[in-house]
N, C-alpha and C. Protein backbone atom coordinates (compact mmCIF):
# COMPACT_ATOMS: atom_id res chain seq x y z
N MET A 1 34.96 42.25 57.06
CA MET A 1 35.46 41.49 58.36
C MET A 1 35.66 42.48 59.30
N VAL A 2 35.19 42.10 60.60
CA VAL A 2 35.25 42.99 61.75
C VAL A 2 36.53 42.55 62.54
N LEU A 3 37.36 43.49 62.97
CA LEU A 3 38.57 43.16 63.81
C LEU A 3 38.06 42.97 65.29
N ASP A 4 38.63 42.06 65.95
CA ASP A 4 38.25 41.70 67.32
C ASP A 4 39.00 42.46 68.32
N PHE A 5 38.76 43.82 68.39
CA PHE A 5 39.35 44.75 69.34
C PHE A 5 38.93 44.33 70.74
N LYS A 6 39.79 44.51 71.61
CA LYS A 6 39.61 44.24 73.07
C LYS A 6 39.95 45.35 73.98
N ASN A 7 39.50 45.29 75.12
CA ASN A 7 39.78 46.22 76.29
C ASN A 7 39.71 47.65 75.94
N GLU A 8 40.71 48.56 76.11
CA GLU A 8 40.65 49.98 75.87
C GLU A 8 40.38 50.14 74.35
N TRP A 9 40.95 49.36 73.59
CA TRP A 9 40.84 49.65 72.07
C TRP A 9 39.32 49.41 71.66
N PHE A 10 38.62 48.45 72.30
CA PHE A 10 37.23 48.21 71.94
C PHE A 10 36.35 49.32 72.49
N ALA A 11 36.77 49.69 73.82
CA ALA A 11 36.03 50.93 74.43
C ALA A 11 36.04 52.21 73.65
N ALA A 12 37.26 52.47 73.02
CA ALA A 12 37.49 53.69 72.11
C ALA A 12 36.83 53.49 70.64
N PHE A 13 37.00 52.26 70.04
CA PHE A 13 36.72 52.22 68.72
C PHE A 13 35.47 51.40 68.42
N GLY A 14 35.13 50.49 69.22
CA GLY A 14 34.04 49.69 68.98
C GLY A 14 34.44 48.49 67.97
N ARG A 15 33.49 48.07 67.24
CA ARG A 15 33.72 46.89 66.33
C ARG A 15 34.32 47.44 64.96
N VAL A 16 35.43 47.65 64.75
CA VAL A 16 36.04 48.27 63.59
C VAL A 16 36.12 47.33 62.39
N GLU A 17 35.74 47.76 61.21
CA GLU A 17 35.79 46.86 60.03
C GLU A 17 37.22 46.95 59.50
N SER A 18 37.57 45.85 58.91
CA SER A 18 38.98 45.81 58.32
C SER A 18 39.26 46.77 57.21
N ASN A 19 38.29 47.44 56.63
CA ASN A 19 38.39 48.17 55.39
C ASN A 19 38.00 49.68 55.72
N SER A 20 38.07 50.07 57.02
CA SER A 20 37.52 51.31 57.52
C SER A 20 38.57 52.52 57.19
N ARG A 21 38.10 53.71 57.31
CA ARG A 21 38.88 54.87 57.03
C ARG A 21 39.06 55.66 58.38
N MET A 22 40.19 56.14 58.66
CA MET A 22 40.40 56.84 59.97
C MET A 22 41.13 58.13 59.71
N LEU A 23 40.96 59.13 60.38
CA LEU A 23 41.72 60.37 60.39
C LEU A 23 42.10 60.73 61.87
N VAL A 24 43.48 60.87 62.10
CA VAL A 24 44.01 61.15 63.30
C VAL A 24 44.73 62.59 63.22
N TRP A 25 44.28 63.52 64.08
CA TRP A 25 44.88 64.79 63.93
C TRP A 25 45.19 65.32 65.41
N GLY A 26 46.15 66.29 65.54
CA GLY A 26 46.39 66.91 66.79
C GLY A 26 47.62 67.88 66.64
N GLY A 27 47.83 68.77 67.49
CA GLY A 27 48.87 69.71 67.50
C GLY A 27 50.28 69.07 67.69
N SER A 28 51.40 69.81 67.41
CA SER A 28 52.67 69.30 67.63
C SER A 28 52.90 69.11 69.11
N GLY A 29 53.55 68.05 69.52
CA GLY A 29 53.97 67.66 70.94
C GLY A 29 52.74 67.26 71.74
N GLN A 30 51.55 66.92 71.11
CA GLN A 30 50.42 66.42 71.96
C GLN A 30 50.43 64.95 72.05
N GLY A 31 51.28 64.23 71.31
CA GLY A 31 51.12 62.66 71.35
C GLY A 31 50.68 61.94 70.18
N LYS A 32 50.33 62.69 69.04
CA LYS A 32 49.84 62.21 67.83
C LYS A 32 50.71 61.12 67.24
N SER A 33 52.00 61.32 67.01
CA SER A 33 52.86 60.23 66.49
C SER A 33 52.88 59.04 67.34
N ARG A 34 53.04 59.27 68.64
CA ARG A 34 53.10 58.14 69.63
C ARG A 34 51.83 57.34 69.62
N PHE A 35 50.66 57.98 69.50
CA PHE A 35 49.36 57.23 69.40
C PHE A 35 49.26 56.50 68.12
N VAL A 36 49.62 57.06 66.95
CA VAL A 36 49.50 56.33 65.67
C VAL A 36 50.46 55.22 65.75
N LEU A 37 51.68 55.16 66.30
CA LEU A 37 52.52 54.01 66.43
C LEU A 37 51.87 52.97 67.33
N GLN A 38 51.18 53.41 68.43
CA GLN A 38 50.50 52.46 69.26
C GLN A 38 49.51 51.75 68.58
N LEU A 39 48.69 52.60 67.78
CA LEU A 39 47.59 52.02 67.15
C LEU A 39 48.16 51.05 65.96
N ALA A 40 49.18 51.45 65.29
CA ALA A 40 49.81 50.52 64.24
C ALA A 40 50.25 49.15 64.93
N LYS A 41 50.99 49.27 66.22
CA LYS A 41 51.37 48.10 66.78
C LYS A 41 50.13 47.31 67.25
N TYR A 42 49.09 47.86 67.63
CA TYR A 42 47.81 47.13 68.04
C TYR A 42 47.30 46.30 66.70
N LEU A 43 47.18 47.17 65.62
CA LEU A 43 46.64 46.49 64.44
C LEU A 43 47.54 45.41 63.84
N SER A 44 48.69 45.37 64.09
CA SER A 44 49.63 44.36 63.80
C SER A 44 49.32 43.06 64.40
N ASN A 45 48.45 43.06 65.46
CA ASN A 45 48.00 41.79 66.04
C ASN A 45 47.02 41.13 65.05
N PHE A 46 46.37 41.76 64.29
CA PHE A 46 45.34 41.28 63.31
C PHE A 46 45.78 41.14 61.88
N CYS A 47 46.74 41.96 61.51
CA CYS A 47 46.99 41.99 60.10
C CYS A 47 48.42 42.80 59.85
N ARG A 48 48.87 42.84 58.49
CA ARG A 48 50.06 43.40 58.28
C ARG A 48 49.74 44.99 58.02
N VAL A 49 50.70 45.73 58.51
CA VAL A 49 50.52 47.32 58.46
C VAL A 49 51.70 47.93 57.70
N ALA A 50 51.38 48.91 56.91
CA ALA A 50 52.50 49.70 56.27
C ALA A 50 52.34 51.13 56.79
N TYR A 51 53.46 51.64 57.26
CA TYR A 51 53.54 53.06 57.77
C TYR A 51 54.31 53.80 56.76
N ASN A 52 53.66 54.83 56.03
CA ASN A 52 54.26 55.69 55.12
C ASN A 52 54.77 56.94 55.79
N SER A 53 56.09 56.81 56.14
CA SER A 53 56.51 58.03 56.91
C SER A 53 57.05 59.15 55.84
N LEU A 54 56.09 60.12 55.78
CA LEU A 54 56.39 61.23 54.83
C LEU A 54 56.92 62.37 55.58
N GLU A 55 56.65 62.66 56.74
CA GLU A 55 57.23 63.77 57.48
C GLU A 55 58.50 63.58 57.99
N MET A 56 58.74 62.42 58.65
CA MET A 56 60.07 62.12 59.29
C MET A 56 60.96 61.33 58.35
N GLY A 57 60.37 60.55 57.42
CA GLY A 57 61.17 59.78 56.42
C GLY A 57 61.76 58.69 57.27
N ASP A 58 62.86 57.98 56.76
CA ASP A 58 63.60 56.96 57.44
C ASP A 58 64.63 57.60 58.32
N SER A 59 64.28 58.21 59.35
CA SER A 59 65.23 59.15 60.11
C SER A 59 65.46 58.37 61.55
N LEU A 60 66.47 58.94 62.20
CA LEU A 60 66.79 58.38 63.49
C LEU A 60 65.72 58.69 64.53
N ALA A 61 64.95 59.78 64.34
CA ALA A 61 63.87 60.23 65.13
C ALA A 61 62.65 59.16 65.05
N LEU A 62 62.47 58.74 63.72
CA LEU A 62 61.59 57.67 63.63
C LEU A 62 62.00 56.39 64.23
N GLY A 63 63.20 56.01 63.98
CA GLY A 63 63.76 54.79 64.52
C GLY A 63 63.74 54.65 66.05
N ASP A 64 63.97 55.80 66.70
CA ASP A 64 63.81 55.99 68.15
C ASP A 64 62.37 55.72 68.64
N ALA A 65 61.44 56.36 67.92
CA ALA A 65 60.10 56.25 68.16
C ALA A 65 59.56 54.68 68.05
N LEU A 66 60.05 54.11 66.99
CA LEU A 66 59.68 52.77 66.72
C LEU A 66 60.11 51.83 67.94
N VAL A 67 61.35 52.00 68.32
CA VAL A 67 62.09 51.31 69.44
C VAL A 67 61.24 51.66 70.65
N ALA A 68 60.94 52.81 70.99
CA ALA A 68 60.19 53.23 72.19
C ALA A 68 58.87 52.53 72.27
N GLU A 69 58.14 52.42 71.13
CA GLU A 69 56.87 51.80 71.18
C GLU A 69 56.90 50.30 71.01
N GLY A 70 58.13 49.68 70.89
CA GLY A 70 58.28 48.28 70.67
C GLY A 70 57.58 47.75 69.38
N ILE A 71 57.88 48.55 68.33
CA ILE A 71 57.35 48.17 67.06
C ILE A 71 58.15 46.99 66.52
N ASP A 72 57.45 45.96 65.97
CA ASP A 72 58.10 44.78 65.49
C ASP A 72 58.04 44.55 63.99
N LYS A 73 58.43 43.52 63.51
CA LYS A 73 58.59 43.29 62.03
C LYS A 73 57.17 43.08 61.30
N ASN A 74 56.09 43.10 62.00
CA ASN A 74 54.75 43.04 61.29
C ASN A 74 54.43 44.35 60.66
N ILE A 75 55.15 45.52 60.95
CA ILE A 75 54.94 46.81 60.34
C ILE A 75 55.98 47.14 59.43
N ILE A 76 55.57 47.54 58.20
CA ILE A 76 56.45 47.80 57.09
C ILE A 76 56.58 49.34 57.14
N ILE A 77 57.93 49.89 57.17
CA ILE A 77 58.07 51.28 57.16
C ILE A 77 58.45 51.62 55.74
N LEU A 78 57.52 52.48 55.19
CA LEU A 78 57.88 53.15 53.89
C LEU A 78 58.48 54.54 53.96
N ASN A 79 59.49 54.87 53.11
CA ASN A 79 60.15 56.03 53.22
C ASN A 79 59.64 57.06 52.14
N ARG A 80 58.75 57.87 52.56
CA ARG A 80 58.30 58.89 51.68
C ARG A 80 57.87 58.50 50.33
N GLU A 81 57.03 57.44 50.25
CA GLU A 81 56.53 57.01 49.00
C GLU A 81 55.31 57.89 48.57
N THR A 82 55.38 58.05 47.22
CA THR A 82 54.29 59.06 46.62
C THR A 82 52.91 58.30 46.58
N ILE A 83 51.96 59.04 46.16
CA ILE A 83 50.57 58.40 45.96
C ILE A 83 50.71 57.21 44.97
N GLU A 84 51.32 57.49 43.86
CA GLU A 84 51.43 56.48 42.86
C GLU A 84 52.27 55.21 43.38
N GLN A 85 53.43 55.48 44.05
CA GLN A 85 54.19 54.41 44.46
C GLN A 85 53.47 53.58 45.60
N VAL A 86 52.75 54.13 46.53
CA VAL A 86 52.05 53.45 47.59
C VAL A 86 50.81 52.80 46.99
N THR A 87 50.20 53.41 45.97
CA THR A 87 49.01 52.67 45.46
C THR A 87 49.41 51.42 44.74
N ALA A 88 50.49 51.48 44.06
CA ALA A 88 51.06 50.27 43.33
C ALA A 88 51.45 49.13 44.40
N ARG A 89 52.15 49.60 45.39
CA ARG A 89 52.62 48.66 46.48
C ARG A 89 51.17 48.00 47.16
N MET A 90 50.29 48.79 47.49
CA MET A 90 49.10 48.21 48.15
C MET A 90 48.11 47.37 47.29
N LYS A 91 48.34 47.49 45.96
CA LYS A 91 47.55 46.62 45.07
C LYS A 91 48.14 45.33 44.76
N LYS A 92 49.50 45.19 45.14
CA LYS A 92 50.18 43.86 44.96
C LYS A 92 49.53 42.84 45.79
N ARG A 93 49.67 41.50 45.30
CA ARG A 93 49.23 40.39 46.02
C ARG A 93 50.04 40.28 47.36
N LYS A 94 49.45 39.83 48.36
CA LYS A 94 50.03 39.74 49.62
C LYS A 94 50.63 41.11 50.09
N SER A 95 49.95 42.17 49.75
CA SER A 95 50.40 43.47 50.23
C SER A 95 49.76 43.68 51.70
N PRO A 96 50.29 44.74 52.44
CA PRO A 96 49.69 45.01 53.72
C PRO A 96 48.16 45.23 53.53
N ASP A 97 47.54 44.99 54.77
CA ASP A 97 46.08 45.25 54.95
C ASP A 97 45.75 46.58 55.38
N VAL A 98 46.69 47.34 55.99
CA VAL A 98 46.49 48.64 56.59
C VAL A 98 47.61 49.51 56.12
N LEU A 99 47.19 50.73 55.68
CA LEU A 99 48.14 51.78 55.29
C LEU A 99 47.97 52.92 56.16
N ILE A 100 49.05 53.44 56.89
CA ILE A 100 49.11 54.66 57.55
C ILE A 100 49.77 55.77 56.86
N VAL A 101 49.20 56.92 56.50
CA VAL A 101 49.87 57.93 55.90
C VAL A 101 50.10 59.08 56.85
N ASP A 102 51.33 59.35 56.99
CA ASP A 102 51.77 60.33 57.94
C ASP A 102 52.81 61.38 57.29
N SER A 103 52.20 62.43 56.97
CA SER A 103 50.92 63.01 57.14
C SER A 103 50.13 63.42 55.89
N LEU A 104 48.97 63.52 55.86
CA LEU A 104 48.26 63.99 54.73
C LEU A 104 48.79 65.17 54.06
N GLN A 105 49.22 66.15 54.75
CA GLN A 105 49.77 67.38 54.20
C GLN A 105 51.06 67.14 53.33
N TYR A 106 51.71 65.95 53.49
CA TYR A 106 52.91 65.85 52.83
C TYR A 106 52.74 64.76 51.69
N PHE A 107 51.55 64.07 51.57
CA PHE A 107 51.23 63.15 50.57
C PHE A 107 51.20 63.72 49.18
N ARG A 108 52.04 63.33 48.32
CA ARG A 108 52.17 64.03 46.97
C ARG A 108 52.16 62.97 45.84
N HIS A 109 51.87 63.45 44.75
CA HIS A 109 51.95 62.67 43.45
C HIS A 109 53.33 62.77 43.04
N ASN A 110 53.68 61.83 41.94
CA ASN A 110 54.97 61.82 41.46
C ASN A 110 55.46 63.19 40.97
N ASP A 111 54.53 63.88 40.38
CA ASP A 111 54.83 65.25 39.92
C ASP A 111 55.07 66.34 40.93
N GLY A 112 54.76 66.00 42.20
CA GLY A 112 54.95 66.91 43.24
C GLY A 112 53.81 67.69 43.80
N ASN A 113 52.73 67.42 42.98
CA ASN A 113 51.38 68.05 43.41
C ASN A 113 50.84 67.27 44.62
N GLY A 114 50.27 68.00 45.61
CA GLY A 114 49.71 67.53 46.83
C GLY A 114 48.31 66.89 46.45
N MET A 115 47.80 66.13 47.47
CA MET A 115 46.51 65.54 47.44
C MET A 115 45.40 66.50 47.57
N ASN A 116 44.39 66.45 46.71
CA ASN A 116 43.22 67.29 46.91
C ASN A 116 41.99 66.20 47.29
N TYR A 117 40.82 66.77 47.52
CA TYR A 117 39.70 65.91 48.00
C TYR A 117 39.40 64.88 46.86
N LYS A 118 39.40 65.41 45.53
CA LYS A 118 38.99 64.48 44.53
C LYS A 118 39.94 63.31 44.38
N ASN A 119 41.24 63.50 44.58
CA ASN A 119 42.25 62.56 44.52
C ASN A 119 42.24 61.60 45.71
N TYR A 120 41.78 62.20 46.98
CA TYR A 120 41.61 61.37 48.02
C TYR A 120 40.41 60.37 47.75
N ILE A 121 39.39 60.76 47.27
CA ILE A 121 38.31 59.85 46.95
C ILE A 121 38.67 58.75 45.96
N LYS A 122 39.45 59.14 44.85
CA LYS A 122 39.96 58.27 43.87
C LYS A 122 40.85 57.14 44.64
N PHE A 123 41.83 57.74 45.40
CA PHE A 123 42.77 56.79 46.07
C PHE A 123 42.09 55.88 47.11
N SER A 124 40.99 56.44 47.76
CA SER A 124 40.42 55.56 48.73
C SER A 124 39.57 54.57 48.00
N HIS A 125 38.85 54.83 47.03
CA HIS A 125 38.15 53.83 46.28
C HIS A 125 39.13 52.86 45.59
N SER A 126 40.20 53.19 45.18
CA SER A 126 41.17 52.34 44.54
C SER A 126 41.70 51.15 45.54
N LEU A 127 41.61 51.58 46.79
CA LEU A 127 42.12 50.51 47.91
C LEU A 127 40.91 50.26 48.79
N ALA A 128 39.75 50.02 48.20
CA ALA A 128 38.58 49.84 49.06
C ALA A 128 38.63 48.63 49.93
N ASP A 129 39.45 47.72 49.63
CA ASP A 129 39.61 46.45 50.59
C ASP A 129 40.69 46.66 51.71
N LYS A 130 41.24 47.76 51.84
CA LYS A 130 42.24 48.14 52.75
C LYS A 130 41.76 49.08 53.92
N MET A 131 42.38 49.06 55.06
CA MET A 131 42.16 50.05 56.06
C MET A 131 43.10 51.25 55.72
N LEU A 132 42.64 52.35 55.68
CA LEU A 132 43.47 53.54 55.47
C LEU A 132 43.37 54.42 56.68
N ILE A 133 44.65 54.84 57.19
CA ILE A 133 44.68 55.73 58.24
C ILE A 133 45.38 56.91 57.90
N PHE A 134 44.77 58.21 57.92
CA PHE A 134 45.48 59.33 57.65
C PHE A 134 45.80 60.15 58.81
N VAL A 135 47.03 60.70 58.94
CA VAL A 135 47.53 61.51 60.07
C VAL A 135 47.44 62.97 59.52
N SER A 136 46.93 63.92 60.34
CA SER A 136 46.93 65.24 59.82
C SER A 136 47.44 66.26 60.91
N HIS A 137 48.03 67.32 60.43
CA HIS A 137 48.31 68.51 61.38
C HIS A 137 47.07 68.93 61.89
N ALA A 138 47.06 69.87 62.85
CA ALA A 138 45.94 70.52 63.38
C ALA A 138 45.95 71.87 63.33
N ASP A 139 44.79 72.59 63.27
CA ASP A 139 44.57 74.05 63.38
C ASP A 139 43.64 74.19 64.51
N HIS A 140 44.29 74.38 65.71
CA HIS A 140 43.55 74.32 66.96
C HIS A 140 42.93 73.01 67.23
N LYS A 141 41.60 72.75 67.23
CA LYS A 141 41.09 71.45 67.50
C LYS A 141 40.58 70.81 66.28
N GLU A 142 40.88 71.45 65.06
CA GLU A 142 40.38 70.87 63.82
C GLU A 142 41.57 70.46 63.04
N PRO A 143 41.27 69.52 62.11
CA PRO A 143 42.24 69.22 61.09
C PRO A 143 42.74 70.27 60.27
N ALA A 144 44.01 70.36 59.83
CA ALA A 144 44.52 71.59 59.22
C ALA A 144 44.47 71.48 57.68
N GLY A 145 43.83 72.45 57.01
CA GLY A 145 43.83 72.43 55.56
C GLY A 145 42.48 71.97 55.13
N ARG A 146 42.24 72.25 53.82
CA ARG A 146 40.89 72.01 53.14
C ARG A 146 40.76 70.42 53.00
N VAL A 147 41.81 69.78 52.54
CA VAL A 147 41.73 68.37 52.28
C VAL A 147 41.35 67.73 53.52
N ALA A 148 42.11 67.99 54.65
CA ALA A 148 41.96 67.14 55.84
C ALA A 148 40.63 67.44 56.50
N LYS A 149 40.18 68.66 56.38
CA LYS A 149 38.79 69.02 56.83
C LYS A 149 37.76 68.20 56.03
N SER A 150 37.93 68.08 54.81
CA SER A 150 36.97 67.35 53.88
C SER A 150 37.03 65.87 54.27
N VAL A 151 38.14 65.29 54.33
CA VAL A 151 38.43 63.93 54.74
C VAL A 151 37.76 63.53 56.05
N ARG A 152 37.82 64.53 56.96
CA ARG A 152 37.16 64.21 58.30
C ARG A 152 35.66 63.85 58.19
N TYR A 153 35.03 64.40 57.16
CA TYR A 153 33.55 64.03 57.00
C TYR A 153 33.35 62.69 56.29
N ASP A 154 34.45 62.20 55.63
CA ASP A 154 34.36 60.99 54.94
C ASP A 154 34.79 59.64 55.67
N VAL A 155 35.57 59.85 56.83
CA VAL A 155 36.13 58.74 57.49
C VAL A 155 35.11 58.17 58.45
N ASP A 156 35.41 56.85 58.78
CA ASP A 156 34.51 56.04 59.73
C ASP A 156 34.96 56.28 61.13
N VAL A 157 36.21 56.64 61.37
CA VAL A 157 36.70 56.99 62.79
C VAL A 157 37.57 58.27 62.80
N LYS A 158 37.14 59.16 63.68
CA LYS A 158 37.81 60.55 63.86
C LYS A 158 38.52 60.49 65.12
N ILE A 159 39.75 60.80 65.13
CA ILE A 159 40.57 60.76 66.46
C ILE A 159 41.33 62.07 66.60
N MET A 160 40.98 62.83 67.60
CA MET A 160 41.64 64.08 67.93
C MET A 160 42.56 63.73 69.04
N VAL A 161 43.74 64.07 68.89
CA VAL A 161 44.87 63.94 70.01
C VAL A 161 45.17 65.24 70.67
N GLN A 162 44.93 65.34 71.88
CA GLN A 162 45.33 66.51 72.80
C GLN A 162 45.75 66.12 74.04
N GLY A 163 46.94 66.64 74.52
CA GLY A 163 47.33 66.41 75.92
C GLY A 163 47.62 64.98 76.21
N PHE A 164 48.16 64.16 75.24
CA PHE A 164 48.54 62.82 75.40
C PHE A 164 47.19 61.86 75.67
N LYS A 165 46.17 62.39 75.16
CA LYS A 165 44.84 61.53 75.17
C LYS A 165 44.29 61.57 73.71
N ALA A 166 43.80 60.44 73.33
CA ALA A 166 43.28 60.24 71.99
C ALA A 166 41.69 60.24 72.29
N PHE A 167 40.92 61.19 71.60
CA PHE A 167 39.52 61.26 71.72
C PHE A 167 38.85 60.85 70.48
N VAL A 168 38.21 59.67 70.51
CA VAL A 168 37.68 58.93 69.34
C VAL A 168 36.18 59.02 69.18
N THR A 169 35.83 59.36 67.96
CA THR A 169 34.53 59.31 67.46
C THR A 169 34.35 58.35 66.44
N SER A 170 33.67 57.24 66.54
CA SER A 170 33.54 56.05 65.70
C SER A 170 32.13 55.68 65.38
N ARG A 171 32.00 55.40 64.00
CA ARG A 171 30.72 54.88 63.60
C ARG A 171 30.49 53.49 64.09
N TYR A 172 31.41 52.93 64.66
CA TYR A 172 31.28 51.41 65.14
C TYR A 172 31.03 51.42 66.66
N GLY A 173 30.78 52.53 67.37
CA GLY A 173 30.65 52.54 68.76
C GLY A 173 31.77 53.07 69.45
N GLY A 174 32.09 52.57 70.67
CA GLY A 174 33.16 53.02 71.57
C GLY A 174 32.94 54.51 72.01
N GLY A 175 33.96 55.22 71.91
CA GLY A 175 33.93 56.65 72.39
C GLY A 175 34.76 56.96 73.64
N ALA A 176 35.23 55.95 74.18
CA ALA A 176 36.09 56.27 75.38
C ALA A 176 37.46 56.79 74.88
N PRO A 177 38.00 57.85 75.61
CA PRO A 177 39.37 58.25 75.26
C PRO A 177 40.38 57.19 75.57
N ILE A 178 41.60 57.31 74.98
CA ILE A 178 42.77 56.45 75.14
C ILE A 178 43.73 57.37 75.72
N THR A 179 44.41 56.95 76.92
CA THR A 179 45.50 57.67 77.41
C THR A 179 46.81 57.19 76.76
N ILE A 180 47.54 58.09 76.06
CA ILE A 180 48.64 57.79 75.24
C ILE A 180 49.98 57.61 76.05
N TRP A 181 50.05 58.53 76.95
CA TRP A 181 51.24 58.57 77.96
C TRP A 181 50.75 59.12 79.19
N GLU A 182 50.69 58.22 80.19
CA GLU A 182 50.08 58.60 81.45
C GLU A 182 50.63 59.85 82.07
N GLU A 183 51.92 59.89 82.28
CA GLU A 183 52.62 61.02 82.96
C GLU A 183 52.40 62.39 82.17
N GLY A 184 52.52 62.29 80.87
CA GLY A 184 52.23 63.60 80.14
C GLY A 184 50.71 64.05 80.25
N ALA A 185 49.82 62.98 80.14
CA ALA A 185 48.42 63.29 80.34
C ALA A 185 48.08 63.96 81.65
N LYS A 186 48.74 63.37 82.71
CA LYS A 186 48.46 63.83 84.21
C LYS A 186 48.89 65.36 84.14
N GLU A 187 50.10 65.65 83.63
CA GLU A 187 50.68 66.94 83.76
C GLU A 187 49.75 67.97 82.82
N TYR A 188 49.37 67.54 81.79
CA TYR A 188 48.55 68.35 80.88
C TYR A 188 47.18 68.72 81.44
N TRP A 189 46.51 67.65 81.84
CA TRP A 189 45.14 67.68 82.34
C TRP A 189 44.97 68.15 83.79
N GLY A 190 46.12 68.08 84.48
CA GLY A 190 46.21 68.36 85.90
C GLY A 190 45.36 67.54 86.74
N ILE A 191 45.46 66.12 86.40
CA ILE A 191 44.71 65.04 87.13
C ILE A 191 45.74 64.32 88.06
């Protein structure tokens, strides 16, 4: 199924399939979390979204970010669920259609071991009918770490966030950048 993206979202992403894979990366303080929440809110117009908050957990900072972005009840906030927990949740009947993992570097198995590329492929295939969005730290303009770099080559949509703009490369068309925060982008880019 193709999601009926409109306006700036269509210009950036094109015609996105409901079971696509995405990777969002960017440096600290560049607007990555804000963008991911904006994307989650937009996707909630089409389907149910689960946001696995691994880095911030169920914190005041996350709560403030959700309020600032006007996040509503169509988004389920998960508090640091492991790979096994989130897999079981997403395989249930009437489970969310979209899973956001924030961030890939904190995604762990029950035994505490982190995700490697082999585990990523297994996880991705086990949820083949779901949209999966992974958030990653950055090492300059690249995703940080071996797994994130490998995932980058596997996903359908690659989104680099820098200076409060999201730069999208999509197999579905699009390609226009999205401004995440107008004032911050103007200050960063000197426009």
